[in-house]
Amino acid sequence: MAQTTSKKSAQVAKKVAAKQVDAKPTLRAGGNPQIAKANGDAPVQAYIAAMPGWKHDVGRRLDALIVRTVPGVRKAIKWNSPLYGVEGRGWFLGIHCFTKYVKVAFFRGAALRPVPPVESKDKDTRYFHIHEDDQLNEELVAGWIRQASELPGWVS
């Protein structure tokens, strides 16, 4: 009897876990997907898949550009945002959805050349905003990504 109860409990737990994985993520303010904190590519891909409308394509393009530019890049979701980093150097870039744009945060952006255009309250951080009708200059963004990945990053 105990073995049957244990087996049923395991089956119920497995079904609940499967529903949680298949569930659509909640979108927070600005259409930012709410994804649980986790390390690796899978949670970042879940975030990108949940990015609404045109932002989804921006997320896919950015992720692919980052992976091409920084082979072996580390990925994680922290604070409902994908983070990209280099082992032993910390996080160099984060992405976040807002209502009218996707924000790309370079945590040491003030050291990049040219400097990304949007200032932060933090003197080292600079942002790049991508709006719906913007043409992404992949060469410029790849240059920022490459430079940022070579700097000491943000450690959490």
Protein backbone atom coordinates (compact mmCIF):
# COMPACT_ATOMS: atom_id res chain seq x y z
CA MET A 1 0.00 0.00 0.00
CA ALA A 2 2.77 2.47 0.91
CA GLN A 3 4.51 1.81 -2.39
CA THR A 4 1.27 2.52 -4.33
CA THR A 5 0.72 5.81 -2.45
CA SER A 6 4.32 6.84 -3.09
CA LYS A 7 3.96 5.99 -6.78
CA LYS A 8 0.74 8.06 -7.03
CA SER A 9 2.41 10.99 -5.28
CA ALA A 10 5.30 10.84 -7.72
CA GLN A 11 2.89 10.78 -10.69
CA VAL A 12 0.95 13.78 -9.32
CA ALA A 13 4.19 15.70 -8.73
CA LYS A 14 5.33 14.91 -12.27
CA LYS A 15 2.03 16.21 -13.74
CA VAL A 16 2.19 19.42 -11.68
CA ALA A 17 5.79 20.02 -12.79
CA ALA A 18 4.85 19.45 -16.43
CA LYS A 19 2.00 22.00 -16.17
CA GLN A 20 4.37 24.56 -14.65
CA VAL A 21 6.85 24.12 -17.52
CA ASP A 22 4.11 24.36 -20.17
CA ALA A 23 2.36 27.32 -18.52
CA LYS A 24 2.64 30.64 -20.29
CA PRO A 25 4.75 33.08 -18.30
CA THR A 26 3.03 36.07 -16.80
CA LEU A 27 3.85 39.36 -18.47
CA ARG A 28 4.74 42.10 -16.02
CA ALA A 29 4.61 45.84 -16.61
CA GLY A 30 5.72 46.81 -20.10
CA GLY A 31 5.32 43.24 -21.37
CA ASN A 32 8.38 41.96 -19.50
CA PRO A 33 8.08 38.17 -19.06
CA GLN A 34 8.19 36.89 -15.50
CA ILE A 35 10.60 33.97 -15.57
CA ALA A 36 11.98 32.28 -12.46
CA LYS A 37 15.61 32.93 -11.55
CA ALA A 38 17.72 30.19 -13.14
CA ASN A 39 21.03 29.58 -14.89
CA GLY A 40 21.51 28.34 -18.45
CA ASP A 41 20.16 28.71 -21.94
CA ALA A 42 16.72 27.13 -21.31
CA PRO A 43 15.34 29.88 -19.03
CA VAL A 44 16.71 32.57 -21.39
CA GLN A 45 14.98 30.86 -24.32
CA ALA A 46 11.75 30.72 -22.26
CA TYR A 47 12.05 34.48 -21.66
CA ILE A 48 12.62 35.15 -25.36
CA ALA A 49 9.70 32.91 -26.34
CA ALA A 50 7.46 34.89 -23.97
CA MET A 51 8.54 38.32 -25.23
CA PRO A 52 5.38 39.84 -26.77
CA GLY A 53 4.93 40.80 -30.43
CA TRP A 54 7.85 42.42 -32.26
CA LYS A 55 10.00 42.20 -29.12
CA HIS A 56 10.22 38.42 -29.59
CA ASP A 57 12.12 38.84 -32.87
CA VAL A 58 14.42 41.43 -31.27
CA GLY A 59 15.15 38.99 -28.42
CA ARG A 60 15.97 36.16 -30.84
CA ARG A 61 18.26 38.39 -32.92
CA LEU A 62 20.08 39.75 -29.86
CA ASP A 63 20.56 36.28 -28.36
CA ALA A 64 21.92 34.92 -31.65
CA LEU A 65 24.23 37.93 -32.05
CA ILE A 66 25.55 37.52 -28.50
CA VAL A 67 26.18 33.78 -28.98
CA ARG A 68 27.99 34.41 -32.30
CA THR A 69 30.08 37.23 -30.83
CA VAL A 70 30.99 35.56 -27.52
CA PRO A 71 31.45 31.79 -27.96
CA GLY A 72 30.74 29.96 -24.69
CA VAL A 73 28.75 32.88 -23.23
CA ARG A 74 27.06 32.15 -19.88
CA LYS A 75 23.33 32.85 -19.61
CA ALA A 76 20.92 33.25 -16.71
CA ILE A 77 17.65 34.84 -15.69
CA LYS A 78 17.91 37.18 -12.72
CA TRP A 79 15.39 39.86 -11.75
CA ASN A 80 13.15 38.88 -14.69
CA SER A 81 15.89 39.71 -17.19
CA PRO A 82 18.26 37.60 -19.27
CA LEU A 83 21.88 38.19 -18.32
CA TYR A 84 24.93 37.28 -20.38
CA GLY A 85 28.40 36.81 -18.96
CA VAL A 86 31.80 35.22 -19.17
CA GLU A 87 32.92 32.60 -16.65
CA GLY A 88 35.24 34.20 -14.13
CA ARG A 89 34.49 37.76 -15.31
CA GLY A 90 30.84 38.27 -14.36
CA TRP A 91 27.81 39.57 -16.27
CA PHE A 92 28.41 42.08 -19.03
CA LEU A 93 24.93 42.56 -20.54
CA GLY A 94 21.25 42.35 -19.65
CA ILE A 95 18.01 42.61 -21.62
CA HIS A 96 14.66 43.91 -20.37
CA CYS A 97 11.29 44.55 -22.07
CA PHE A 98 9.51 47.86 -21.66
CA THR A 99 6.24 48.98 -23.24
CA LYS A 100 7.79 50.80 -26.21
CA TYR A 101 11.30 49.33 -26.42
CA VAL A 102 13.72 46.58 -25.48
CA LYS A 103 16.52 47.83 -23.25
CA VAL A 104 20.00 46.40 -23.65
CA ALA A 105 22.11 47.21 -20.58
CA PHE A 106 25.90 47.18 -20.81
CA PHE A 107 27.04 47.05 -17.19
CA ARG A 108 30.44 48.58 -18.06
CA GLY A 109 29.06 50.55 -21.00
CA ALA A 110 30.84 53.81 -20.15
CA ALA A 111 34.09 52.05 -21.16
CA LEU A 112 32.79 51.05 -24.62
CA ARG A 113 33.66 52.90 -27.82
CA PRO A 114 31.55 54.44 -29.09
CA VAL A 115 29.68 54.83 -25.80
CA PRO A 116 26.09 53.46 -25.97
CA PRO A 117 23.69 56.41 -26.15
CA VAL A 118 21.50 56.15 -23.03
CA GLU A 119 22.86 57.14 -19.61
CA SER A 120 22.14 55.35 -16.34
CA LYS A 121 22.06 56.44 -12.71
CA ASP A 122 25.09 54.17 -12.38
CA LYS A 123 28.15 55.92 -13.86
CA ASP A 124 29.48 52.68 -15.41
CA THR A 125 26.24 51.41 -16.99
CA ARG A 126 24.98 52.52 -20.39
CA TYR A 127 21.89 51.45 -22.31
CA PHE A 128 20.84 50.93 -25.88
CA HIS A 129 17.09 50.99 -26.61
CA ILE A 130 15.55 49.12 -29.53
CA HIS A 131 12.14 50.37 -30.68
CA GLU A 132 9.70 48.55 -32.97
CA ASP A 133 10.68 50.22 -36.23
CA ASP A 134 14.41 50.55 -35.53
CA GLN A 135 16.92 49.02 -37.92
CA LEU A 136 19.43 47.14 -35.76
CA ASN A 137 23.02 47.98 -36.65
CA GLU A 138 24.38 44.50 -35.92
CA GLU A 139 27.98 45.51 -36.59
CA LEU A 140 27.83 48.31 -33.98
CA VAL A 141 25.98 46.17 -31.42
CA ALA A 142 28.36 43.22 -31.97
CA GLY A 143 31.27 45.60 -31.35
CA TRP A 144 29.72 46.69 -28.04
CA ILE A 145 29.05 43.06 -27.11
CA ARG A 146 32.63 42.01 -27.90
CA GLN A 147 34.13 44.93 -25.98
CA ALA A 148 31.81 44.42 -23.00
CA SER A 149 32.60 40.70 -22.82
CA GLU A 150 36.32 41.49 -22.51
CA LEU A 151 35.85 43.78 -19.49
CA PRO A 152 35.39 42.72 -15.87
CA GLY A 153 31.63 42.31 -15.47
CA TRP A 154 29.05 42.70 -12.76
CA VAL A 155 29.17 39.94 -10.14
CA SER A 156 25.99 38.87 -8.36
